[in-house]
Amino acid sequence: MRIQFLGAVQTVTGSKYLIQTNQINILIDCGLFQGYKELRLRNWANLPINPQKIEYVLLTHAHIDHSVILPRLTVHLV
């Protein structure tokens, strides 16, 4: 099992964590970066994961720093 921190590192916003096993990939949260401009610009960067390879998404709660980028992720699945 591998846990990858994709957001909320050195800041409290942009929560995104990827749990990978040999069988599945689970994304925990998909949040918005807030605060300083350098953080907010991360919201427009390419997502650091291939959405096609995510089997499950788990949202811990619906605050914007945990959930608001999810629509960007799902656009790639259509």
Foldseek 3Di string as FASTA:
>chain_A
DDKDFQDCDVHNFQGWIWDDDPPAIEIEFGAAFDDDPVRNVVLVDPRPDQLVRHDYYHYPDDDRRGHVSVVVSCVNVD
